[in-house]
């Protein structure tokens, strides 16, 4: 390989002409296109950054709202629990009152039945004692005698019962 000056000079002249043509015809539009592209990319980056900041602000806002909603839900649930407990206590108290009333009615009914049975028993015993005594004595007893005999008989029944 030999160095040829004429070929080198021709190549240099061709290169300089080529650069001059490119600079005059293509370099300006190419530079303008690249600048426009760079401006667009910078604008997209700025828009993306602005959108990111807005998104972060919205996310924080939604997180605050979500926290408020969760707090409200907790408050509503706590109130519902309090209401349920209060209702439960009212139901238990009402049931207890009704049970007590039923118990008192039953006791009163038992006492009435007992008193009625005792009255019937005392009447039966007193009439039997009077009849038996009249048959043994052979005469009618006065009211005072009847009362004394009945009281004695009932006292003996109570002594045996205890």
N, C-alpha and C. Protein backbone atom coordinates (compact mmCIF):
# COMPACT_ATOMS: atom_id res chain seq x y z
N UNK A 1 0.83 -1.17 0.00
CA UNK A 1 0.00 0.00 0.00
C UNK A 1 0.88 1.24 0.00
N UNK A 2 0.61 1.99 -1.02
CA UNK A 2 1.35 3.24 -1.17
C UNK A 2 0.41 4.38 -0.90
N UNK A 3 1.05 5.40 -0.42
CA UNK A 3 0.27 6.61 -0.14
C UNK A 3 0.16 7.40 -1.40
N UNK A 4 -1.10 7.76 -1.76
CA UNK A 4 -1.32 8.51 -2.98
C UNK A 4 -1.89 9.85 -2.57
N UNK A 5 -1.16 10.89 -2.89
CA UNK A 5 -1.56 12.23 -2.49
C UNK A 5 -2.75 12.72 -3.26
N UNK A 6 -2.86 12.40 -4.46
CA UNK A 6 -3.99 12.87 -5.25
C UNK A 6 -5.29 12.24 -4.77
N UNK A 7 -5.24 10.94 -4.40
CA UNK A 7 -6.44 10.28 -3.88
C UNK A 7 -6.81 10.83 -2.52
N UNK A 8 -5.83 11.13 -1.70
CA UNK A 8 -6.08 11.69 -0.37
C UNK A 8 -6.67 13.08 -0.52
N UNK A 9 -6.12 13.89 -1.44
CA UNK A 9 -6.63 15.23 -1.66
C UNK A 9 -8.04 15.18 -2.21
N UNK A 10 -8.28 14.30 -3.13
CA UNK A 10 -9.62 14.14 -3.68
C UNK A 10 -10.61 13.69 -2.58
N UNK A 11 -10.20 12.76 -1.74
CA UNK A 11 -11.06 12.28 -0.65
C UNK A 11 -11.35 13.40 0.33
N UNK A 12 -10.33 14.23 0.62
CA UNK A 12 -10.53 15.35 1.54
C UNK A 12 -11.47 16.37 0.94
N UNK A 13 -11.32 16.68 -0.31
CA UNK A 13 -12.21 17.65 -0.97
C UNK A 13 -13.62 17.09 -1.01
N UNK A 14 -13.77 15.83 -1.31
CA UNK A 14 -15.09 15.21 -1.37
C UNK A 14 -15.75 15.25 0.01
N UNK A 15 -14.94 14.96 1.02
CA UNK A 15 -15.48 14.96 2.38
C UNK A 15 -15.92 16.37 2.78
N UNK A 16 -15.14 17.38 2.49
CA UNK A 16 -15.47 18.77 2.84
C UNK A 16 -16.72 19.18 2.07
N UNK A 17 -16.85 18.84 0.82
CA UNK A 17 -18.05 19.18 0.04
C UNK A 17 -19.26 18.45 0.63
N UNK A 18 -19.04 17.20 0.95
CA UNK A 18 -20.15 16.41 1.53
C UNK A 18 -20.62 17.04 2.85
N UNK A 19 -19.70 17.44 3.70
CA UNK A 19 -20.04 18.08 4.97
C UNK A 19 -20.73 19.41 4.70
N UNK A 20 -20.26 20.18 3.75
CA UNK A 20 -20.88 21.47 3.45
C UNK A 20 -22.29 21.28 2.95
N UNK A 21 -22.51 20.28 2.10
CA UNK A 21 -23.86 20.02 1.58
C UNK A 21 -24.76 19.55 2.72
N UNK A 22 -24.23 18.66 3.51
CA UNK A 22 -25.03 18.18 4.65
C UNK A 22 -25.36 19.33 5.60
N UNK A 23 -24.37 20.18 5.85
CA UNK A 23 -24.62 21.28 6.77
C UNK A 23 -25.65 22.23 6.21
N UNK A 24 -25.59 22.49 4.99
CA UNK A 24 -26.53 23.42 4.37
C UNK A 24 -27.90 22.80 4.21
N UNK A 25 -27.98 21.54 3.83
CA UNK A 25 -29.27 20.95 3.52
C UNK A 25 -29.84 20.06 4.59
N UNK A 26 -29.01 19.34 5.29
CA UNK A 26 -29.54 18.34 6.21
C UNK A 26 -29.23 18.66 7.67
N UNK A 27 -28.12 19.34 7.93
CA UNK A 27 -27.73 19.57 9.31
C UNK A 27 -28.74 20.40 10.06
N UNK A 28 -29.28 21.43 9.50
CA UNK A 28 -30.28 22.31 10.14
C UNK A 28 -31.54 21.53 10.49
N UNK A 29 -32.16 20.86 9.49
CA UNK A 29 -33.36 20.10 9.84
C UNK A 29 -33.07 18.96 10.81
N UNK A 30 -31.90 18.32 10.65
CA UNK A 30 -31.55 17.23 11.57
C UNK A 30 -31.37 17.78 12.98
N UNK A 31 -30.67 18.91 13.10
CA UNK A 31 -30.47 19.54 14.40
C UNK A 31 -31.81 19.98 14.98
N UNK A 32 -32.67 20.55 14.14
CA UNK A 32 -33.98 21.00 14.60
C UNK A 32 -34.81 19.80 15.06
N UNK A 33 -34.75 18.69 14.32
CA UNK A 33 -35.49 17.48 14.71
C UNK A 33 -35.00 16.91 16.03
N UNK A 34 -33.66 16.88 16.17
CA UNK A 34 -33.10 16.38 17.43
C UNK A 34 -33.47 17.30 18.60
N UNK A 35 -33.40 18.60 18.37
CA UNK A 35 -33.78 19.55 19.42
C UNK A 35 -35.26 19.40 19.80
N UNK A 36 -36.09 19.24 18.78
CA UNK A 36 -37.53 19.04 19.03
C UNK A 36 -37.78 17.75 19.80
N UNK A 37 -37.04 16.72 19.39
CA UNK A 37 -37.19 15.43 20.09
C UNK A 37 -36.73 15.58 21.54
N UNK A 38 -35.63 16.25 21.77
CA UNK A 38 -35.13 16.46 23.13
C UNK A 38 -36.13 17.26 23.95
N UNK A 39 -36.70 18.31 23.34
CA UNK A 39 -37.69 19.13 24.03
C UNK A 39 -38.91 18.28 24.39
N UNK A 40 -39.34 17.43 23.47
CA UNK A 40 -40.50 16.54 23.72
C UNK A 40 -40.21 15.57 24.87
N UNK A 41 -39.00 15.01 24.85
CA UNK A 41 -38.63 14.06 25.91
C UNK A 41 -38.59 14.78 27.26
N UNK A 42 -38.00 15.99 27.28
CA UNK A 42 -37.96 16.76 28.54
C UNK A 42 -39.37 17.10 29.01
N UNK A 43 -40.24 17.46 28.06
CA UNK A 43 -41.62 17.78 28.41
C UNK A 43 -42.33 16.54 28.97
N UNK A 44 -42.10 15.39 28.33
CA UNK A 44 -42.71 14.14 28.82
C UNK A 44 -42.21 13.79 30.23
N UNK A 45 -40.90 14.02 30.45
CA UNK A 45 -40.35 13.77 31.79
C UNK A 45 -40.99 14.71 32.80
N UNK A 46 -41.11 15.98 32.44
CA UNK A 46 -41.73 16.96 33.34
C UNK A 46 -43.19 16.60 33.62
N UNK A 47 -43.91 16.22 32.54
CA UNK A 47 -45.31 15.82 32.72
C UNK A 47 -45.42 14.57 33.60
N UNK A 48 -44.52 13.63 33.38
CA UNK A 48 -44.53 12.40 34.19
C UNK A 48 -44.24 12.73 35.65
N UNK A 49 -43.29 13.62 35.88
CA UNK A 49 -42.97 14.01 37.26
C UNK A 49 -44.15 14.73 37.91
N UNK A 50 -44.81 15.60 37.14
CA UNK A 50 -45.99 16.31 37.65
C UNK A 50 -47.12 15.31 37.95
N UNK A 51 -47.31 14.36 37.06
CA UNK A 51 -48.33 13.33 37.28
C UNK A 51 -48.00 12.48 38.50
N UNK A 52 -46.71 12.17 38.66
CA UNK A 52 -46.29 11.38 39.83
C UNK A 52 -46.58 12.15 41.12
N UNK A 53 -46.26 13.44 41.12
CA UNK A 53 -46.52 14.25 42.32
C UNK A 53 -48.02 14.33 42.61
N UNK A 54 -48.81 14.52 41.54
CA UNK A 54 -50.26 14.56 41.73
C UNK A 54 -50.77 13.22 42.24
N UNK A 55 -50.25 12.14 41.69
CA UNK A 55 -50.66 10.80 42.12
C UNK A 55 -50.31 10.56 43.58
N UNK A 56 -49.11 10.99 43.98
CA UNK A 56 -48.72 10.84 45.38
C UNK A 56 -49.63 11.66 46.28
N UNK A 57 -49.97 12.89 45.84
CA UNK A 57 -50.87 13.73 46.64
C UNK A 57 -52.24 13.08 46.75
N UNK A 58 -52.75 12.55 45.61
CA UNK A 58 -54.05 11.87 45.64
C UNK A 58 -54.00 10.63 46.52
N UNK A 59 -52.90 9.90 46.44
CA UNK A 59 -52.75 8.69 47.26
C UNK A 59 -52.78 9.06 48.75
N UNK A 60 -52.06 10.10 49.11
CA UNK A 60 -52.07 10.54 50.50
C UNK A 60 -53.47 10.98 50.91
N UNK A 61 -54.14 11.70 50.02
CA UNK A 61 -55.51 12.15 50.31
C UNK A 61 -56.44 10.95 50.49
N UNK A 62 -56.33 9.96 49.62
CA UNK A 62 -57.17 8.77 49.74
C UNK A 62 -56.82 7.97 50.99
N UNK A 63 -55.54 7.93 51.34
CA UNK A 63 -55.16 7.24 52.57
C UNK A 63 -55.76 7.92 53.79
N UNK A 64 -55.76 9.26 53.79
CA UNK A 64 -56.38 10.00 54.89
C UNK A 64 -57.88 9.72 54.93
N UNK A 65 -58.51 9.76 53.76
CA UNK A 65 -59.95 9.49 53.70
C UNK A 65 -60.25 8.06 54.14
N UNK A 66 -59.42 7.11 53.71
CA UNK A 66 -59.60 5.72 54.10
C UNK A 66 -59.45 5.56 55.61
N UNK A 67 -58.49 6.25 56.20
CA UNK A 67 -58.31 6.19 57.65
C UNK A 67 -59.53 6.75 58.36
N UNK A 68 -60.09 7.86 57.82
CA UNK A 68 -61.30 8.43 58.43
C UNK A 68 -62.47 7.46 58.32
N UNK A 69 -62.61 6.84 57.16
CA UNK A 69 -63.70 5.88 56.96
C UNK A 69 -63.53 4.69 57.91
N UNK A 70 -62.29 4.21 58.05
CA UNK A 70 -62.06 3.09 58.95
C UNK A 70 -62.37 3.49 60.39
N UNK A 71 -62.04 4.70 60.77
CA UNK A 71 -62.36 5.19 62.11
C UNK A 71 -63.88 5.27 62.29
N UNK A 72 -64.57 5.76 61.27
CA UNK A 72 -66.04 5.82 61.35
C UNK A 72 -66.63 4.42 61.47
N UNK A 73 -66.07 3.48 60.72
CA UNK A 73 -66.56 2.09 60.80
C UNK A 73 -66.34 1.55 62.21
N UNK A 74 -65.16 1.82 62.77
CA UNK A 74 -64.89 1.36 64.16
C UNK A 74 -65.88 2.00 65.13
N UNK A 75 -66.15 3.31 64.94
CA UNK A 75 -67.11 3.99 65.82
C UNK A 75 -68.50 3.40 65.67
N UNK A 76 -68.91 3.14 64.43
CA UNK A 76 -70.24 2.56 64.19
C UNK A 76 -70.34 1.17 64.80
N UNK A 77 -69.29 0.37 64.63
CA UNK A 77 -69.30 -0.96 65.23
C UNK A 77 -69.33 -0.90 66.75
N UNK A 78 -68.57 0.03 67.32
CA UNK A 78 -68.58 0.18 68.78
C UNK A 78 -69.96 0.60 69.27
N UNK A 79 -70.58 1.53 68.54
CA UNK A 79 -71.93 1.96 68.91
C UNK A 79 -72.92 0.81 68.78
N UNK A 80 -72.78 0.02 67.72
CA UNK A 80 -73.67 -1.13 67.54
C UNK A 80 -73.48 -2.13 68.66
N UNK A 81 -72.24 -2.34 69.08
CA UNK A 81 -71.99 -3.25 70.20
C UNK A 81 -72.62 -2.72 71.48
N UNK A 82 -72.46 -1.39 71.71
CA UNK A 82 -73.08 -0.80 72.91
C UNK A 82 -74.59 -0.95 72.86
N UNK A 83 -75.17 -0.68 71.69
CA UNK A 83 -76.62 -0.82 71.55
C UNK A 83 -77.05 -2.26 71.77
N UNK A 84 -76.29 -3.20 71.22
CA UNK A 84 -76.63 -4.62 71.39
C UNK A 84 -76.52 -5.02 72.85
N UNK A 85 -75.49 -4.54 73.53
CA UNK A 85 -75.33 -4.86 74.95
C UNK A 85 -76.47 -4.26 75.77
N UNK A 86 -76.83 -3.02 75.43
CA UNK A 86 -77.94 -2.37 76.14
C UNK A 86 -79.25 -3.13 75.89
N UNK A 87 -79.48 -3.52 74.65
CA UNK A 87 -80.69 -4.28 74.32
C UNK A 87 -80.68 -5.62 75.03
N UNK A 88 -79.52 -6.26 75.07
CA UNK A 88 -79.40 -7.55 75.77
C UNK A 88 -79.75 -7.37 77.24
N UNK A 89 -79.21 -6.32 77.86
CA UNK A 89 -79.49 -6.07 79.27
C UNK A 89 -80.97 -5.79 79.49
N UNK A 90 -81.59 -5.05 78.58
CA UNK A 90 -83.02 -4.78 78.70
C UNK A 90 -83.82 -6.07 78.58
N UNK A 91 -83.46 -6.93 77.64
CA UNK A 91 -84.17 -8.20 77.46
C UNK A 91 -84.01 -9.08 78.70
N UNK A 92 -82.78 -9.14 79.22
CA UNK A 92 -82.55 -9.95 80.42
C UNK A 92 -83.33 -9.39 81.60
N UNK A 93 -83.32 -8.06 81.75
CA UNK A 93 -84.06 -7.44 82.85
C UNK A 93 -85.55 -7.70 82.71
N UNK A 94 -86.07 -7.58 81.50
CA UNK A 94 -87.50 -7.84 81.27
C UNK A 94 -87.83 -9.29 81.56
N UNK A 95 -86.99 -10.19 81.10
CA UNK A 95 -87.22 -11.62 81.36
C UNK A 95 -87.17 -11.90 82.86
N UNK A 96 -86.23 -11.26 83.55
CA UNK A 96 -86.13 -11.45 85.00
C UNK A 96 -87.37 -10.93 85.71
N UNK A 97 -87.86 -9.76 85.29
CA UNK A 97 -89.09 -9.21 85.88
C UNK A 97 -90.27 -10.13 85.63
N UNK A 98 -90.37 -10.63 84.38
CA UNK A 98 -91.48 -11.53 84.07
C UNK A 98 -91.36 -12.83 84.87
N UNK A 99 -90.15 -13.34 85.03
CA UNK A 99 -89.95 -14.56 85.81
C UNK A 99 -90.33 -14.32 87.27
N UNK A 100 -89.91 -13.17 87.80
CA UNK A 100 -90.27 -12.84 89.18
C UNK A 100 -91.78 -12.69 89.34
N UNK A 101 -92.41 -12.03 88.37
CA UNK A 101 -93.87 -11.86 88.44
C UNK A 101 -94.56 -13.22 88.37
N UNK A 102 -94.10 -14.09 87.49
CA UNK A 102 -94.69 -15.44 87.39
C UNK A 102 -94.47 -16.21 88.68
N UNK A 103 -93.28 -16.08 89.26
CA UNK A 103 -92.98 -16.75 90.52
C UNK A 103 -93.91 -16.25 91.62
N UNK A 104 -94.09 -14.93 91.71
CA UNK A 104 -94.96 -14.37 92.75
C UNK A 104 -96.41 -14.79 92.55
N UNK A 105 -96.84 -14.83 91.28
CA UNK A 105 -98.21 -15.28 91.02
C UNK A 105 -98.38 -16.74 91.41
N UNK A 106 -97.36 -17.56 91.09
CA UNK A 106 -97.44 -18.97 91.45
C UNK A 106 -97.44 -19.15 92.96
N UNK A 107 -96.60 -18.39 93.66
CA UNK A 107 -96.57 -18.47 95.13
C UNK A 107 -97.90 -18.04 95.71
N UNK A 108 -98.46 -16.94 95.18
CA UNK A 108 -99.76 -16.47 95.67
C UNK A 108 -100.83 -17.51 95.40
N UNK A 109 -100.81 -18.13 94.23
CA UNK A 109 -101.80 -19.17 93.91
C UNK A 109 -101.64 -20.37 94.83
N UNK A 110 -100.40 -20.76 95.10
CA UNK A 110 -100.15 -21.88 96.01
C UNK A 110 -100.65 -21.55 97.41
N UNK A 111 -100.38 -20.33 97.85
CA UNK A 111 -100.84 -19.92 99.19
C UNK A 111 -102.37 -19.90 99.26
N UNK A 112 -103.02 -19.40 98.22
CA UNK A 112 -104.50 -19.40 98.19
C UNK A 112 -105.02 -20.83 98.23
N UNK A 113 -104.39 -21.69 97.42
CA UNK A 113 -104.83 -23.10 97.40
C UNK A 113 -104.59 -23.75 98.75
N UNK A 114 -103.45 -23.48 99.36
CA UNK A 114 -103.16 -24.03 100.69
C UNK A 114 -104.17 -23.54 101.72
N UNK A 115 -104.42 -22.20 101.69
CA UNK A 115 -105.39 -21.65 102.65
C UNK A 115 -106.76 -22.25 102.45
N UNK A 116 -107.16 -22.41 101.18
CA UNK A 116 -108.47 -23.00 100.89
C UNK A 116 -108.50 -24.46 101.38
N UNK A 117 -107.42 -25.20 101.12
CA UNK A 117 -107.36 -26.60 101.56
C UNK A 117 -107.37 -26.69 103.08
N UNK A 118 -106.64 -25.80 103.75
CA UNK A 118 -106.62 -25.81 105.21
C UNK A 118 -108.00 -25.44 105.77
N UNK A 119 -108.64 -24.47 105.14
CA UNK A 119 -109.98 -24.08 105.59
C UNK A 119 -110.94 -25.25 105.44
N UNK A 120 -110.87 -25.92 104.29
CA UNK A 120 -111.74 -27.08 104.08
C UNK A 120 -111.40 -28.19 105.08
N UNK A 121 -110.11 -28.40 105.32
CA UNK A 121 -109.69 -29.42 106.28
C UNK A 121 -110.17 -29.08 107.68
N UNK A 122 -110.00 -27.82 108.09
CA UNK A 122 -110.44 -27.42 109.42
C UNK A 122 -111.95 -27.56 109.55
N UNK A 123 -112.67 -27.17 108.51
CA UNK A 123 -114.14 -27.32 108.55
C UNK A 123 -114.51 -28.79 108.66
N UNK A 124 -113.83 -29.63 107.87
CA UNK A 124 -114.11 -31.06 107.90
C UNK A 124 -113.78 -31.65 109.26
N UNK A 125 -112.60 -31.31 109.77
CA UNK A 125 -112.18 -31.83 111.08
C UNK A 125 -113.11 -31.34 112.18
N UNK A 126 -113.43 -30.06 112.16
CA UNK A 126 -114.30 -29.53 113.22
C UNK A 126 -115.68 -30.16 113.20
N UNK A 127 -116.24 -30.37 112.00
CA UNK A 127 -117.56 -31.00 111.95
C UNK A 127 -117.48 -32.45 112.39
N UNK A 128 -116.40 -33.16 112.04
CA UNK A 128 -116.23 -34.55 112.48
C UNK A 128 -116.00 -34.64 113.99
N UNK A 129 -115.20 -33.69 114.52
CA UNK A 129 -114.97 -33.68 115.97
C UNK A 129 -116.27 -33.42 116.71
N UNK A 130 -117.04 -32.45 116.24
CA UNK A 130 -118.32 -32.13 116.88
C UNK A 130 -119.25 -33.34 116.80
N UNK A 131 -119.35 -33.97 115.65
CA UNK A 131 -120.24 -35.14 115.50
C UNK A 131 -119.78 -36.29 116.38
N UNK A 132 -118.48 -36.53 116.42
CA UNK A 132 -117.97 -37.63 117.24
C UNK A 132 -118.20 -37.34 118.72
N UNK A 133 -117.97 -36.12 119.10
CA UNK A 133 -118.15 -35.75 120.51
C UNK A 133 -119.62 -35.87 120.90
N UNK A 134 -120.50 -35.42 120.04
CA UNK A 134 -121.94 -35.51 120.35
C UNK A 134 -122.35 -36.97 120.48
N UNK A 135 -121.78 -37.82 119.67
CA UNK A 135 -122.14 -39.24 119.76
C UNK A 135 -121.58 -39.83 121.05
N UNK A 136 -120.38 -39.43 121.44
CA UNK A 136 -119.79 -39.98 122.66
C UNK A 136 -120.53 -39.43 123.88
N UNK A 137 -120.79 -38.19 123.90
CA UNK A 137 -121.45 -37.57 125.05
C UNK A 137 -122.95 -37.83 124.99
N UNK A 138 -123.47 -37.84 123.90
CA UNK A 138 -124.89 -38.08 123.74
C UNK A 138 -125.71 -36.82 123.82
N UNK A 139 -125.18 -35.72 123.76
CA UNK A 139 -125.93 -34.47 123.78
C UNK A 139 -125.31 -33.47 122.84
N UNK A 140 -126.00 -32.37 122.58
CA UNK A 140 -125.48 -31.31 121.72
C UNK A 140 -124.53 -30.43 122.52
N UNK A 141 -123.49 -29.98 121.83
CA UNK A 141 -122.51 -29.12 122.48
C UNK A 141 -122.82 -27.66 122.17
N UNK A 142 -122.45 -26.82 123.10
CA UNK A 142 -122.63 -25.39 122.86
C UNK A 142 -121.53 -24.91 121.93
N UNK A 143 -121.65 -23.68 121.47
CA UNK A 143 -120.66 -23.10 120.56
C UNK A 143 -119.30 -23.01 121.21
N UNK A 144 -119.22 -22.65 122.50
CA UNK A 144 -117.95 -22.53 123.21
C UNK A 144 -117.30 -23.89 123.35
N UNK A 145 -118.13 -24.93 123.66
CA UNK A 145 -117.59 -26.28 123.78
C UNK A 145 -117.03 -26.76 122.44
N UNK A 146 -117.76 -26.46 121.41
CA UNK A 146 -117.31 -26.88 120.07
C UNK A 146 -115.97 -26.22 119.74
N UNK A 147 -115.86 -24.94 120.00
CA UNK A 147 -114.62 -24.21 119.68
C UNK A 147 -113.44 -24.77 120.47
N UNK A 148 -113.66 -25.07 121.76
CA UNK A 148 -112.60 -25.60 122.60
C UNK A 148 -112.16 -26.96 122.11
N UNK A 149 -113.11 -27.84 121.76
CA UNK A 149 -112.77 -29.18 121.29
C UNK A 149 -112.03 -29.12 119.94
N UNK A 150 -112.47 -28.26 119.07
CA UNK A 150 -111.83 -28.13 117.76
C UNK A 150 -110.42 -27.61 117.93
N UNK A 151 -110.21 -26.61 118.77
CA UNK A 151 -108.88 -26.05 118.99
C UNK A 151 -107.95 -27.10 119.56
N UNK A 152 -108.45 -27.90 120.51
CA UNK A 152 -107.62 -28.96 121.09
C UNK A 152 -107.23 -29.98 120.01
N UNK A 153 -108.19 -30.37 119.19
CA UNK A 153 -107.92 -31.38 118.16
C UNK A 153 -106.91 -30.84 117.15
N UNK A 154 -107.06 -29.58 116.75
CA UNK A 154 -106.13 -28.99 115.78
C UNK A 154 -104.75 -28.84 116.38
N UNK A 155 -104.67 -28.50 117.66
CA UNK A 155 -103.37 -28.38 118.31
C UNK A 155 -102.68 -29.74 118.33
N UNK A 156 -103.43 -30.79 118.55
CA UNK A 156 -102.83 -32.12 118.55
C UNK A 156 -102.36 -32.52 117.15
N UNK A 157 -103.13 -32.12 116.17
CA UNK A 157 -102.73 -32.41 114.77
C UNK A 157 -101.42 -31.70 114.46
N UNK A 158 -101.31 -30.43 114.86
CA UNK A 158 -100.08 -29.65 114.59
C UNK A 158 -98.89 -30.23 115.32
N UNK A 159 -99.09 -30.73 116.55
CA UNK A 159 -98.00 -31.31 117.32
C UNK A 159 -97.50 -32.56 116.61
N UNK A 160 -98.40 -33.40 116.11
CA UNK A 160 -98.03 -34.61 115.42
C UNK A 160 -97.35 -34.31 114.08
N UNK A 161 -97.78 -33.25 113.45
CA UNK A 161 -97.28 -32.85 112.13
C UNK A 161 -95.82 -32.39 112.24
N UNK A 162 -95.50 -31.65 113.26
CA UNK A 162 -94.14 -31.11 113.43
C UNK A 162 -93.26 -32.19 113.92
